[in-house]
Amino acid sequence: MANVLITRFSALGDVAIAVPLLKAVATAYPEDHFFIATQALMAGLFKEAPDNLKVVPVDLCGTHKGLPGMFNLFRALQPLHIDKVCDLHAVHRTYLLGFLLGWRRPVFRVNKERKARRRLTRRQNKALKPLTPALERYRKVLAHAGFVVDEAALLRTLPAKNWYMAAVQERFGAKEGLWLGVAPFARHEGKCYPLEKMAFVVADLAQRPGYRVFLFGRGSEEEATMKAWKEQYPSLELPVGGDLHDDLQLMNCLDALVTMDSANMHLGSLANTKVLSIWGATHPLAGFAAWNQPTSNQLQLELFCRPCSIYGKKPCYRKDLACLNLLTPERVIDFVLEKTKR
């Protein structure tokens, strides 16, 4: 029996990618204990995890802020008697924590393929070859630590479609027609379809007979934008409040979820719903496409400058963000209608 620490502090999407793997590993190895060190916000992703998979909350803005905070976290982890460390983050903080914990313990660390990323996103002579999917990179780390699971085990972690319908209908009433989720936000401009264009898309879909549109977003700015849209189109649904588990339950009952290359894209996959993703500066080749989703559900423009960024935070060197601005609202609407037709 081993006590295994897994570190992945952020971001939400990256933690979401790891969820099916950690659930599958914990199920396959019931005699071992697994601890995922991540921000408290992510705890909702693990509400239905096996009993031997626990969340260790990490406060990156307080107790565990910066390198000194990693010493605090190291001390807090001592009662867990960690035997192995699986670092799925590979940043300065987790390197330090791994060094402290690795004095007498093996540490297994993810390979981020940084050189391949640079070749993929360079301006000239891009190496347009697929990088290892993030979930597969994580799986290799756990396998090196002695915990091997196959794709079938990962798929068994998914809830059945409409599994949470009873709870969701208590919140939103009986399901009639087509339920469509729209998650229009992303952390960086290079991944976010312009909101004025998305407003046109949302307005069109919300007014179509038989369509019920749910908006997803967290944060004060996002909620303000969604409330402004709802004032214009009262039929829109704003499922604000609750935690990530509540979002997953609703997503599980949707017919489809329209997202950016964002955390909600990965949450939709966790909820076992159809995810329709819109791509800009980033690219599925980088290994962050939604798991268990067909490539035909990805909408993107093939431009010579794409991809220019792995995470979407680099400024557009063309200054026009053509990858998103040239994508018309009409094309997005047609894409959604095609993928949701019955």
C-alpha atoms as a PDB file:
ATOM      1  CA  MET A   1       0.000   0.000   0.000  1.00  0.00           C
ATOM      2  CA  ALA A   2       1.385   3.378  -1.066  1.00  0.00           C
ATOM      3  CA  ASN A   3       0.472   6.975  -0.329  1.00  0.00           C
ATOM      4  CA  VAL A   4       0.818   8.906  -3.574  1.00  0.00           C
ATOM      5  CA  LEU A   5       0.837  12.682  -3.957  1.00  0.00           C
ATOM      6  CA  ILE A   6      -0.223  14.138  -7.314  1.00  0.00           C
ATOM      7  CA  THR A   7       0.508  17.825  -7.892  1.00  0.00           C
ATOM      8  CA  ARG A   8      -1.453  19.929 -10.368  1.00  0.00           C
ATOM      9  CA  PHE A   9      -2.194  23.299  -8.806  1.00  0.00           C
ATOM     10  CA  SER A  10      -3.803  24.958 -11.847  1.00  0.00           C
ATOM     11  CA  ALA A  11      -5.334  25.774 -14.256  1.00  0.00           C
ATOM     12  CA  LEU A  12      -8.892  24.506 -14.083  1.00  0.00           C
ATOM     13  CA  GLY A  13      -8.764  22.963 -17.538  1.00  0.00           C
ATOM     14  CA  ASP A  14      -5.520  21.131 -16.833  1.00  0.00           C
ATOM     15  CA  VAL A  15      -6.898  19.710 -13.598  1.00  0.00           C
ATOM     16  CA  ALA A  16     -10.088  18.678 -15.392  1.00  0.00           C
ATOM     17  CA  ILE A  17      -8.018  16.772 -17.959  1.00  0.00           C
ATOM     18  CA  ALA A  18      -6.486  14.712 -15.149  1.00  0.00           C
ATOM     19  CA  VAL A  19      -9.779  13.814 -13.442  1.00  0.00           C
ATOM     20  CA  PRO A  20     -10.716  10.662 -15.429  1.00  0.00           C
ATOM     21  CA  LEU A  21      -7.161   9.360 -15.105  1.00  0.00           C
ATOM     22  CA  LEU A  22      -7.013   9.871 -11.334  1.00  0.00           C
ATOM     23  CA  LYS A  23     -10.446   8.326 -10.838  1.00  0.00           C
ATOM     24  CA  ALA A  24      -9.491   5.322 -12.980  1.00  0.00           C
ATOM     25  CA  VAL A  25      -6.179   4.824 -11.164  1.00  0.00           C
ATOM     26  CA  ALA A  26      -7.817   5.076  -7.744  1.00  0.00           C
ATOM     27  CA  THR A  27     -10.439   2.530  -8.807  1.00  0.00           C
ATOM     28  CA  ALA A  28      -7.852   0.130 -10.227  1.00  0.00           C
ATOM     29  CA  TYR A  29      -5.601   0.339  -7.146  1.00  0.00           C
ATOM     30  CA  PRO A  30      -7.979   0.365  -4.149  1.00  0.00           C
ATOM     31  CA  GLU A  31      -5.254  -0.564  -1.638  1.00  0.00           C
ATOM     32  CA  ASP A  32      -3.297   2.607  -2.400  1.00  0.00           C
ATOM     33  CA  HIS A  33      -4.170   6.154  -1.351  1.00  0.00           C
ATOM     34  CA  PHE A  34      -3.967   9.086  -3.749  1.00  0.00           C
ATOM     35  CA  PHE A  35      -3.858  12.767  -2.817  1.00  0.00           C
ATOM     36  CA  ILE A  36      -4.304  15.460  -5.460  1.00  0.00           C
ATOM     37  CA  ALA A  37      -2.822  18.783  -4.386  1.00  0.00           C
ATOM     38  CA  THR A  38      -4.760  21.511  -6.153  1.00  0.00           C
ATOM     39  CA  GLN A  39      -6.708  24.695  -5.475  1.00  0.00           C
ATOM     40  CA  ALA A  40      -9.843  24.388  -3.361  1.00  0.00           C
ATOM     41  CA  LEU A  41     -12.000  25.539  -6.283  1.00  0.00           C
ATOM     42  CA  MET A  42     -11.215  22.255  -8.055  1.00  0.00           C
ATOM     43  CA  ALA A  43     -12.628  20.101  -5.254  1.00  0.00           C
ATOM     44  CA  GLY A  44     -15.998  19.987  -7.009  1.00  0.00           C
ATOM     45  CA  LEU A  45     -14.409  17.942  -9.778  1.00  0.00           C
ATOM     46  CA  PHE A  46     -13.712  15.133  -7.320  1.00  0.00           C
ATOM     47  CA  LYS A  47     -17.013  14.950  -5.427  1.00  0.00           C
ATOM     48  CA  GLU A  48     -17.796  11.491  -6.776  1.00  0.00           C
ATOM     49  CA  ALA A  49     -14.237  10.169  -6.722  1.00  0.00           C
ATOM     50  CA  PRO A  50     -13.341   6.819  -5.121  1.00  0.00           C
ATOM     51  CA  ASP A  51     -12.785   6.937  -1.369  1.00  0.00           C
ATOM     52  CA  ASN A  52      -9.025   6.493  -1.796  1.00  0.00           C
ATOM     53  CA  LEU A  53      -8.692   9.698  -3.855  1.00  0.00           C
ATOM     54  CA  LYS A  54      -8.649  12.852  -1.732  1.00  0.00           C
ATOM     55  CA  VAL A  55      -8.110  16.544  -2.470  1.00  0.00           C
ATOM     56  CA  VAL A  56      -5.388  18.441  -0.618  1.00  0.00           C
ATOM     57  CA  PRO A  57      -6.422  22.134  -0.899  1.00  0.00           C
ATOM     58  CA  VAL A  58      -3.633  24.486  -1.971  1.00  0.00           C
ATOM     59  CA  ASP A  59      -3.975  28.217  -1.264  1.00  0.00           C
ATOM     60  CA  LEU A  60      -1.735  29.887  -3.834  1.00  0.00           C
ATOM     61  CA  CYS A  61      -2.838  33.371  -2.762  1.00  0.00           C
ATOM     62  CA  GLY A  62      -2.253  32.833   0.944  1.00  0.00           C
ATOM     63  CA  THR A  63      -0.586  30.093   2.962  1.00  0.00           C
ATOM     64  CA  HIS A  64       1.049  28.467  -0.050  1.00  0.00           C
ATOM     65  CA  LYS A  65       1.923  31.587  -2.035  1.00  0.00           C
ATOM     66  CA  GLY A  66       5.282  31.624  -3.804  1.00  0.00           C
ATOM     67  CA  LEU A  67       8.308  29.543  -2.966  1.00  0.00           C
ATOM     68  CA  PRO A  68       8.005  30.110   0.822  1.00  0.00           C
ATOM     69  CA  GLY A  69       4.483  28.729   0.569  1.00  0.00           C
ATOM     70  CA  MET A  70       5.846  25.452  -0.777  1.00  0.00           C
ATOM     71  CA  PHE A  71       7.738  24.988   2.493  1.00  0.00           C
ATOM     72  CA  ASN A  72       4.418  25.461   4.301  1.00  0.00           C
ATOM     73  CA  LEU A  73       2.781  22.906   2.034  1.00  0.00           C
ATOM     74  CA  PHE A  74       5.668  20.498   2.552  1.00  0.00           C
ATOM     75  CA  ARG A  75       5.177  20.679   6.305  1.00  0.00           C
ATOM     76  CA  ALA A  76       1.406  20.253   5.950  1.00  0.00           C
ATOM     77  CA  LEU A  77       1.919  17.087   3.906  1.00  0.00           C
ATOM     78  CA  GLN A  78       4.038  15.327   6.507  1.00  0.00           C
ATOM     79  CA  PRO A  79       1.106  13.572   8.290  1.00  0.00           C
ATOM     80  CA  LEU A  80       0.162  11.889   4.990  1.00  0.00           C
ATOM     81  CA  HIS A  81       3.425   9.900   4.926  1.00  0.00           C
ATOM     82  CA  ILE A  82       3.824  10.272   1.177  1.00  0.00           C
ATOM     83  CA  ASP A  83       5.694   7.414  -0.558  1.00  0.00           C
ATOM     84  CA  LYS A  84       5.664   8.669  -4.165  1.00  0.00           C
ATOM     85  CA  VAL A  85       5.188  12.011  -5.908  1.00  0.00           C
ATOM     86  CA  CYS A  86       3.634  12.430  -9.374  1.00  0.00           C
ATOM     87  CA  ASP A  87       4.171  15.977 -10.627  1.00  0.00           C
ATOM     88  CA  LEU A  88       1.690  16.767 -13.408  1.00  0.00           C
ATOM     89  CA  HIS A  89       2.500  20.469 -13.321  1.00  0.00           C
ATOM     90  CA  ALA A  90       6.294  20.804 -13.650  1.00  0.00           C
ATOM     91  CA  VAL A  91       6.647  24.461 -12.637  1.00  0.00           C
ATOM     92  CA  HIS A  92       9.050  26.108 -10.199  1.00  0.00           C
ATOM     93  CA  ARG A  93       6.761  25.584  -7.204  1.00  0.00           C
ATOM     94  CA  THR A  94       6.245  21.883  -7.848  1.00  0.00           C
ATOM     95  CA  TYR A  95       9.943  21.406  -8.622  1.00  0.00           C
ATOM     96  CA  LEU A  96      10.750  22.804  -5.172  1.00  0.00           C
ATOM     97  CA  LEU A  97       8.057  20.728  -3.501  1.00  0.00           C
ATOM     98  CA  GLY A  98       9.304  17.668  -5.354  1.00  0.00           C
ATOM     99  CA  PHE A  99      12.846  18.399  -4.204  1.00  0.00           C
ATOM    100  CA  LEU A 100      11.725  18.652  -0.587  1.00  0.00           C
ATOM    101  CA  LEU A 101       9.601  15.526  -0.766  1.00  0.00           C
ATOM    102  CA  GLY A 102      12.006  13.659  -3.022  1.00  0.00           C
ATOM    103  CA  TRP A 103      14.805  13.529  -0.484  1.00  0.00           C
ATOM    104  CA  ARG A 104      13.702   9.990   0.372  1.00  0.00           C
ATOM    105  CA  ARG A 105      10.898   9.441  -2.135  1.00  0.00           C
ATOM    106  CA  PRO A 106      10.766   8.877  -5.906  1.00  0.00           C
ATOM    107  CA  VAL A 107       9.371  11.789  -7.941  1.00  0.00           C
ATOM    108  CA  PHE A 108       7.821  11.238 -11.361  1.00  0.00           C
ATOM    109  CA  ARG A 109       7.365  14.344 -13.508  1.00  0.00           C
ATOM    110  CA  VAL A 110       5.405  15.162 -16.652  1.00  0.00           C
ATOM    111  CA  ASN A 111       7.254  15.881 -19.898  1.00  0.00           C
ATOM    112  CA  LYS A 112       5.796  19.082 -21.340  1.00  0.00           C
ATOM    113  CA  GLU A 113       7.517  18.652 -24.725  1.00  0.00           C
ATOM    114  CA  ARG A 114       8.649  22.286 -24.640  1.00  0.00           C
ATOM    115  CA  LYS A 115      10.931  22.022 -27.677  1.00  0.00           C
ATOM    116  CA  ALA A 116       8.147  20.507 -29.765  1.00  0.00           C
ATOM    117  CA  ARG A 117       5.833  23.285 -28.601  1.00  0.00           C
ATOM    118  CA  ARG A 118       8.278  25.920 -29.802  1.00  0.00           C
ATOM    119  CA  ARG A 119       8.563  24.220 -33.193  1.00  0.00           C
ATOM    120  CA  LEU A 120       4.782  24.073 -33.474  1.00  0.00           C
ATOM    121  CA  THR A 121       4.207  27.763 -32.672  1.00  0.00           C
ATOM    122  CA  ARG A 122       7.213  29.436 -34.337  1.00  0.00           C
ATOM    123  CA  ARG A 123       6.399  31.977 -37.042  1.00  0.00           C
ATOM    124  CA  GLN A 124       8.309  30.313 -39.858  1.00  0.00           C
ATOM    125  CA  ASN A 125       8.486  26.645 -40.874  1.00  0.00           C
ATOM    126  CA  LYS A 126       6.035  25.421 -38.269  1.00  0.00           C
ATOM    127  CA  ALA A 127       6.311  21.731 -37.444  1.00  0.00           C
ATOM    128  CA  LEU A 128       2.609  20.904 -37.758  1.00  0.00           C
ATOM    129  CA  LYS A 129       2.803  17.555 -36.040  1.00  0.00           C
ATOM    130  CA  PRO A 130       0.533  16.484 -33.185  1.00  0.00           C
ATOM    131  CA  LEU A 131       2.038  16.645 -29.733  1.00  0.00           C
ATOM    132  CA  THR A 132       1.236  14.029 -27.129  1.00  0.00           C
ATOM    133  CA  PRO A 133      -2.258  14.707 -25.706  1.00  0.00           C
ATOM    134  CA  ALA A 134      -2.132  16.119 -22.182  1.00  0.00           C
ATOM    135  CA  LEU A 135      -4.093  13.202 -20.756  1.00  0.00           C
ATOM    136  CA  GLU A 136      -1.622  10.745 -22.276  1.00  0.00           C
ATOM    137  CA  ARG A 137       1.312  12.694 -20.833  1.00  0.00           C
ATOM    138  CA  TYR A 138      -0.295  12.465 -17.413  1.00  0.00           C
ATOM    139  CA  ARG A 139      -0.981   8.772 -17.886  1.00  0.00           C
ATOM    140  CA  LYS A 140       2.704   8.139 -18.620  1.00  0.00           C
ATOM    141  CA  VAL A 141       3.653   9.776 -15.309  1.00  0.00           C
ATOM    142  CA  LEU A 142       1.308   7.524 -13.339  1.00  0.00           C
ATOM    143  CA  ALA A 143       2.465   4.484 -15.325  1.00  0.00           C
ATOM    144  CA  HIS A 144       6.097   5.216 -14.490  1.00  0.00           C
ATOM    145  CA  ALA A 145       5.040   5.355 -10.859  1.00  0.00           C
ATOM    146  CA  GLY A 146       3.547   1.874 -11.229  1.00  0.00           C
ATOM    147  CA  PHE A 147      -0.122   2.704 -11.822  1.00  0.00           C
ATOM    148  CA  VAL A 148      -1.227   1.555 -15.263  1.00  0.00           C
ATOM    149  CA  VAL A 149      -4.749   1.986 -16.672  1.00  0.00           C
ATOM    150  CA  ASP A 150      -6.070   1.688 -20.221  1.00  0.00           C
ATOM    151  CA  GLU A 151      -8.512   3.809 -22.216  1.00  0.00           C
ATOM    152  CA  ALA A 152     -11.434   1.574 -21.274  1.00  0.00           C
ATOM    153  CA  ALA A 153     -10.798   2.302 -17.597  1.00  0.00           C
ATOM    154  CA  LEU A 154     -10.855   6.039 -18.322  1.00  0.00           C
ATOM    155  CA  LEU A 155     -14.151   5.773 -20.198  1.00  0.00           C
ATOM    156  CA  ARG A 156     -15.728   3.921 -17.284  1.00  0.00           C
ATOM    157  CA  THR A 157     -15.284   7.028 -15.137  1.00  0.00           C
ATOM    158  CA  LEU A 158     -17.766   8.975 -17.278  1.00  0.00           C
ATOM    159  CA  PRO A 159     -21.360   9.336 -16.067  1.00  0.00           C
ATOM    160  CA  ALA A 160     -24.099   7.936 -18.280  1.00  0.00           C
ATOM    161  CA  LYS A 161     -25.725  10.563 -20.461  1.00  0.00           C
ATOM    162  CA  ASN A 162     -28.522  12.391 -18.584  1.00  0.00           C
ATOM    163  CA  TRP A 163     -27.471  10.630 -15.365  1.00  0.00           C
ATOM    164  CA  TYR A 164     -28.255  13.759 -13.327  1.00  0.00           C
ATOM    165  CA  MET A 165     -31.526  14.632 -15.068  1.00  0.00           C
ATOM    166  CA  ALA A 166     -33.669  14.374 -11.920  1.00  0.00           C
ATOM    167  CA  ALA A 167     -31.485  16.829  -9.982  1.00  0.00           C
ATOM    168  CA  VAL A 168     -31.161  19.179 -12.953  1.00  0.00           C
ATOM    169  CA  GLN A 169     -34.887  19.237 -13.604  1.00  0.00           C
ATOM    170  CA  GLU A 170     -35.445  20.231  -9.979  1.00  0.00           C
ATOM    171  CA  ARG A 171     -33.389  23.346 -10.710  1.00  0.00           C
ATOM    172  CA  PHE A 172     -34.548  24.185 -14.231  1.00  0.00           C
ATOM    173  CA  GLY A 173     -37.843  22.418 -14.789  1.00  0.00           C
ATOM    174  CA  ALA A 174     -38.759  19.662 -17.216  1.00  0.00           C
ATOM    175  CA  LYS A 175     -36.542  19.252 -20.239  1.00  0.00           C
ATOM    176  CA  GLU A 176     -38.330  20.093 -23.443  1.00  0.00           C
ATOM    177  CA  GLY A 177     -36.738  20.618 -26.821  1.00  0.00           C
ATOM    178  CA  LEU A 178     -32.977  20.999 -27.219  1.00  0.00           C
ATOM    179  CA  TRP A 179     -30.794  22.192 -24.359  1.00  0.00           C
ATOM    180  CA  LEU A 180     -27.676  23.988 -25.555  1.00  0.00           C
ATOM    181  CA  GLY A 181     -24.876  25.273 -23.347  1.00  0.00           C
ATOM    182  CA  VAL A 182     -22.687  28.199 -24.406  1.00  0.00           C
ATOM    183  CA  ALA A 183     -19.436  28.952 -22.574  1.00  0.00           C
ATOM    184  CA  PRO A 184     -18.238  32.088 -24.399  1.00  0.00           C
ATOM    185  CA  PHE A 185     -15.251  32.976 -22.251  1.00  0.00           C
ATOM    186  CA  ALA A 186     -11.576  32.040 -22.117  1.00  0.00           C
ATOM    187  CA  ARG A 187      -8.737  33.260 -19.967  1.00  0.00           C
ATOM    188  CA  HIS A 188      -6.759  34.814 -22.829  1.00  0.00           C
ATOM    189  CA  GLU A 189      -7.820  36.947 -25.783  1.00  0.00           C
ATOM    190  CA  GLY A 190      -6.237  34.579 -28.288  1.00  0.00           C
ATOM    191  CA  LYS A 191      -8.720  31.860 -27.309  1.00  0.00           C
ATOM    192  CA  CYS A 192     -11.887  33.942 -26.922  1.00  0.00           C
ATOM    193  CA  TYR A 193     -14.281  34.483 -29.821  1.00  0.00           C
ATOM    194  CA  PRO A 194     -15.030  38.249 -29.816  1.00  0.00           C
ATOM    195  CA  LEU A 195     -17.906  38.824 -27.427  1.00  0.00           C
ATOM    196  CA  GLU A 196     -19.768  41.161 -29.781  1.00  0.00           C
ATOM    197  CA  LYS A 197     -19.812  38.348 -32.360  1.00  0.00           C
ATOM    198  CA  MET A 198     -20.732  35.754 -29.767  1.00  0.00           C
ATOM    199  CA  ALA A 199     -23.605  37.954 -28.612  1.00  0.00           C
ATOM    200  CA  PHE A 200     -25.002  37.724 -32.152  1.00  0.00           C
ATOM    201  CA  VAL A 201     -24.629  33.930 -32.069  1.00  0.00           C
ATOM    202  CA  VAL A 202     -26.314  33.618 -28.671  1.00  0.00           C
ATOM    203  CA  ALA A 203     -29.157  35.900 -29.708  1.00  0.00           C
ATOM    204  CA  ASP A 204     -29.842  33.857 -32.835  1.00  0.00           C
ATOM    205  CA  LEU A 205     -29.796  30.514 -31.033  1.00  0.00           C
ATOM    206  CA  ALA A 206     -31.871  31.740 -28.086  1.00  0.00           C
ATOM    207  CA  GLN A 207     -34.670  32.834 -30.390  1.00  0.00           C
ATOM    208  CA  ARG A 208     -34.900  29.598 -32.343  1.00  0.00           C
ATOM    209  CA  PRO A 209     -37.969  27.479 -31.591  1.00  0.00           C
ATOM    210  CA  GLY A 210     -37.198  24.472 -29.429  1.00  0.00           C
ATOM    211  CA  TYR A 211     -33.792  25.776 -28.259  1.00  0.00           C
ATOM    212  CA  ARG A 212     -33.092  26.541 -24.626  1.00  0.00           C
ATOM    213  CA  VAL A 213     -29.688  28.196 -24.121  1.00  0.00           C
ATOM    214  CA  PHE A 214     -27.678  28.020 -20.886  1.00  0.00           C
ATOM    215  CA  LEU A 215     -24.705  30.356 -20.392  1.00  0.00           C
ATOM    216  CA  PHE A 216     -21.615  29.293 -18.453  1.00  0.00           C
ATOM    217  CA  GLY A 217     -19.034  31.576 -16.927  1.00  0.00           C
ATOM    218  CA  ARG A 218     -17.429  32.410 -13.585  1.00  0.00           C
ATOM    219  CA  GLY A 219     -16.046  35.685 -12.367  1.00  0.00           C
ATOM    220  CA  SER A 220     -17.547  39.149 -11.961  1.00  0.00           C
ATOM    221  CA  GLU A 221     -16.822  40.340 -15.506  1.00  0.00           C
ATOM    222  CA  GLU A 222     -18.211  37.190 -17.071  1.00  0.00           C
ATOM    223  CA  GLU A 223     -21.356  37.304 -14.952  1.00  0.00           C
ATOM    224  CA  ALA A 224     -21.884  40.982 -15.834  1.00  0.00           C
ATOM    225  CA  THR A 225     -21.677  40.161 -19.539  1.00  0.00           C
ATOM    226  CA  MET A 226     -24.098  37.260 -19.218  1.00  0.00           C
ATOM    227  CA  LYS A 227     -26.586  39.345 -17.236  1.00  0.00           C
ATOM    228  CA  ALA A 228     -26.456  42.038 -19.913  1.00  0.00           C
ATOM    229  CA  TRP A 229     -27.238  39.430 -22.563  1.00  0.00           C
ATOM    230  CA  LYS A 230     -30.101  38.068 -20.504  1.00  0.00           C
ATOM    231  CA  GLU A 231     -31.616  41.538 -20.191  1.00  0.00           C
ATOM    232  CA  GLN A 232     -31.764  41.638 -23.982  1.00  0.00           C
ATOM    233  CA  TYR A 233     -32.866  38.017 -24.392  1.00  0.00           C
ATOM    234  CA  PRO A 234     -34.847  36.939 -21.307  1.00  0.00           C
ATOM    235  CA  SER A 235     -35.106  33.316 -22.444  1.00  0.00           C
ATOM    236  CA  LEU A 236     -31.409  32.786 -21.705  1.00  0.00           C
ATOM    237  CA  GLU A 237     -30.598  30.714 -18.627  1.00  0.00           C
ATOM    238  CA  LEU A 238     -27.853  31.779 -16.184  1.00  0.00           C
ATOM    239  CA  PRO A 239     -26.991  28.821 -13.922  1.00  0.00           C
ATOM    240  CA  VAL A 240     -24.830  30.945 -11.609  1.00  0.00           C
ATOM    241  CA  GLY A 241     -23.960  29.863  -8.106  1.00  0.00           C
ATOM    242  CA  GLY A 242     -23.117  26.371  -6.965  1.00  0.00           C
ATOM    243  CA  ASP A 243     -19.788  24.685  -7.537  1.00  0.00           C
ATOM    244  CA  LEU A 244     -18.134  22.870 -10.407  1.00  0.00           C
ATOM    245  CA  HIS A 245     -20.030  19.698  -9.613  1.00  0.00           C
ATOM    246  CA  ASP A 246     -23.302  21.553 -10.213  1.00  0.00           C
ATOM    247  CA  ASP A 247     -21.965  22.717 -13.589  1.00  0.00           C
ATOM    248  CA  LEU A 248     -20.999  19.155 -14.484  1.00  0.00           C
ATOM    249  CA  GLN A 249     -24.456  17.890 -13.606  1.00  0.00           C
ATOM    250  CA  LEU A 250     -26.120  20.436 -15.894  1.00  0.00           C
ATOM    251  CA  MET A 251     -23.612  19.831 -18.693  1.00  0.00           C
ATOM    252  CA  ASN A 252     -24.368  16.116 -18.494  1.00  0.00           C
ATOM    253  CA  CYS A 253     -27.990  16.846 -19.426  1.00  0.00           C
ATOM    254  CA  LEU A 254     -27.260  19.208 -22.326  1.00  0.00           C
ATOM    255  CA  ASP A 255     -27.579  18.118 -25.926  1.00  0.00           C
ATOM    256  CA  ALA A 256     -24.392  20.045 -26.751  1.00  0.00           C
ATOM    257  CA  LEU A 257     -21.995  22.584 -25.246  1.00  0.00           C
ATOM    258  CA  VAL A 258     -20.376  25.348 -27.321  1.00  0.00           C
ATOM    259  CA  THR A 259     -17.022  26.392 -25.865  1.00  0.00           C
ATOM    260  CA  MET A 260     -13.741  28.058 -26.595  1.00  0.00           C
ATOM    261  CA  ASP A 261     -10.437  26.229 -26.068  1.00  0.00           C
ATOM    262  CA  SER A 262     -11.062  26.679 -22.356  1.00  0.00           C
ATOM    263  CA  ALA A 263     -11.701  24.875 -19.097  1.00  0.00           C
ATOM    264  CA  ASN A 264     -15.373  24.442 -19.969  1.00  0.00           C
ATOM    265  CA  MET A 265     -14.354  22.420 -23.018  1.00  0.00           C
ATOM    266  CA  HIS A 266     -12.757  19.870 -20.710  1.00  0.00           C
ATOM    267  CA  LEU A 267     -15.601  20.044 -18.195  1.00  0.00           C
ATOM    268  CA  GLY A 268     -18.019  19.194 -20.985  1.00  0.00           C
ATOM    269  CA  SER A 269     -15.972  16.115 -21.815  1.00  0.00           C
ATOM    270  CA  LEU A 270     -15.977  15.091 -18.147  1.00  0.00           C
ATOM    271  CA  ALA A 271     -19.765  15.423 -18.161  1.00  0.00           C
ATOM    272  CA  ASN A 272     -20.018  13.109 -21.186  1.00  0.00           C
ATOM    273  CA  THR A 273     -21.752  15.640 -23.384  1.00  0.00           C
ATOM    274  CA  LYS A 274     -21.125  16.710 -26.984  1.00  0.00           C
ATOM    275  CA  VAL A 275     -18.575  19.546 -27.019  1.00  0.00           C
ATOM    276  CA  LEU A 276     -18.436  21.966 -29.963  1.00  0.00           C
ATOM    277  CA  SER A 277     -15.177  23.882 -29.610  1.00  0.00           C
ATOM    278  CA  ILE A 278     -14.058  27.105 -31.325  1.00  0.00           C
ATOM    279  CA  TRP A 279     -10.315  27.581 -31.817  1.00  0.00           C
ATOM    280  CA  GLY A 280      -8.260  30.710 -32.412  1.00  0.00           C
ATOM    281  CA  ALA A 281      -4.564  31.284 -31.705  1.00  0.00           C
ATOM    282  CA  THR A 282      -4.180  27.830 -30.185  1.00  0.00           C
ATOM    283  CA  HIS A 283      -4.576  24.520 -32.008  1.00  0.00           C
ATOM    284  CA  PRO A 284      -5.686  20.961 -31.202  1.00  0.00           C
ATOM    285  CA  LEU A 285      -2.279  19.746 -32.389  1.00  0.00           C
ATOM    286  CA  ALA A 286      -0.783  21.104 -29.162  1.00  0.00           C
ATOM    287  CA  GLY A 287      -2.396  18.259 -27.234  1.00  0.00           C
ATOM    288  CA  PHE A 288      -5.169  20.103 -25.397  1.00  0.00           C
ATOM    289  CA  ALA A 289      -8.167  19.089 -27.483  1.00  0.00           C
ATOM    290  CA  ALA A 290     -11.236  17.857 -25.620  1.00  0.00           C
ATOM    291  CA  TRP A 291     -10.877  14.210 -24.616  1.00  0.00           C
ATOM    292  CA  ASN A 292     -13.233  11.637 -26.131  1.00  0.00           C
ATOM    293  CA  GLN A 293     -14.583  14.122 -28.697  1.00  0.00           C
ATOM    294  CA  PRO A 294     -14.360  13.777 -32.507  1.00  0.00           C
ATOM    295  CA  THR A 295     -12.235  16.275 -34.436  1.00  0.00           C
ATOM    296  CA  SER A 296     -15.321  17.074 -36.534  1.00  0.00           C
ATOM    297  CA  ASN A 297     -16.646  18.947 -33.496  1.00  0.00           C
ATOM    298  CA  GLN A 298     -13.809  21.493 -33.739  1.00  0.00           C
ATOM    299  CA  LEU A 299     -14.339  24.773 -35.623  1.00  0.00           C
ATOM    300  CA  GLN A 300     -11.213  26.580 -36.732  1.00  0.00           C
ATOM    301  CA  LEU A 301      -9.717  28.522 -39.627  1.00  0.00           C
ATOM    302  CA  GLU A 302      -6.609  27.131 -41.261  1.00  0.00           C
ATOM    303  CA  LEU A 303      -4.261  30.129 -41.418  1.00  0.00           C
ATOM    304  CA  PHE A 304      -0.515  30.138 -42.038  1.00  0.00           C
ATOM    305  CA  CYS A 305       0.062  31.884 -38.705  1.00  0.00           C
ATOM    306  CA  ARG A 306      -1.739  29.250 -36.612  1.00  0.00           C
ATOM    307  CA  PRO A 307      -0.929  28.158 -34.035  1.00  0.00           C
ATOM    308  CA  CYS A 308       1.054  31.051 -32.633  1.00  0.00           C
ATOM    309  CA  SER A 309       0.581  30.154 -28.972  1.00  0.00           C
ATOM    310  CA  ILE A 310       0.124  27.118 -26.757  1.00  0.00           C
ATOM    311  CA  TYR A 311      -2.039  28.852 -24.153  1.00  0.00           C
ATOM    312  CA  GLY A 312      -3.379  31.783 -26.178  1.00  0.00           C
ATOM    313  CA  LYS A 313      -1.724  34.483 -24.095  1.00  0.00           C
ATOM    314  CA  LYS A 314       0.790  35.730 -26.669  1.00  0.00           C
ATOM    315  CA  PRO A 315      -0.230  38.988 -28.396  1.00  0.00           C
ATOM    316  CA  CYS A 316      -1.224  38.533 -32.035  1.00  0.00           C
ATOM    317  CA  TYR A 317       1.835  39.582 -34.061  1.00  0.00           C
ATOM    318  CA  ARG A 318      -0.451  40.319 -37.039  1.00  0.00           C
ATOM    319  CA  LYS A 319      -2.387  42.751 -34.805  1.00  0.00           C
ATOM    320  CA  ASP A 320      -5.738  41.607 -36.245  1.00  0.00           C
ATOM    321  CA  LEU A 321      -6.471  38.296 -34.480  1.00  0.00           C
ATOM    322  CA  ALA A 322      -7.612  36.992 -37.851  1.00  0.00           C
ATOM    323  CA  CYS A 323      -8.037  33.430 -36.553  1.00  0.00           C
ATOM    324  CA  LEU A 324     -11.102  34.601 -34.627  1.00  0.00           C
ATOM    325  CA  ASN A 325     -12.184  37.825 -36.329  1.00  0.00           C
ATOM    326  CA  LEU A 326     -12.451  36.174 -39.753  1.00  0.00           C
ATOM    327  CA  LEU A 327     -14.763  33.539 -38.303  1.00  0.00           C
ATOM    328  CA  THR A 328     -18.220  35.004 -38.964  1.00  0.00           C
ATOM    329  CA  PRO A 329     -21.132  34.585 -36.544  1.00  0.00           C
ATOM    330  CA  GLU A 330     -23.113  33.043 -39.389  1.00  0.00           C
ATOM    331  CA  ARG A 331     -20.517  30.311 -39.766  1.00  0.00           C
ATOM    332  CA  VAL A 332     -20.566  29.608 -36.039  1.00  0.00           C
ATOM    333  CA  ILE A 333     -24.370  29.415 -36.072  1.00  0.00           C
ATOM    334  CA  ASP A 334     -24.373  27.060 -39.071  1.00  0.00           C
ATOM    335  CA  PHE A 335     -21.779  24.882 -37.333  1.00  0.00           C
ATOM    336  CA  VAL A 336     -23.875  24.621 -34.168  1.00  0.00           C
ATOM    337  CA  LEU A 337     -27.094  23.940 -36.073  1.00  0.00           C
ATOM    338  CA  GLU A 338     -25.425  21.245 -38.144  1.00  0.00           C
ATOM    339  CA  LYS A 339     -24.051  19.497 -35.065  1.00  0.00           C
ATOM    340  CA  THR A 340     -27.311  19.691 -33.106  1.00  0.00           C
ATOM    341  CA  LYS A 341     -29.811  18.816 -35.817  1.00  0.00           C
ATOM    342  CA  ARG A 342     -32.042  15.843 -35.113  1.00  0.00           C
END
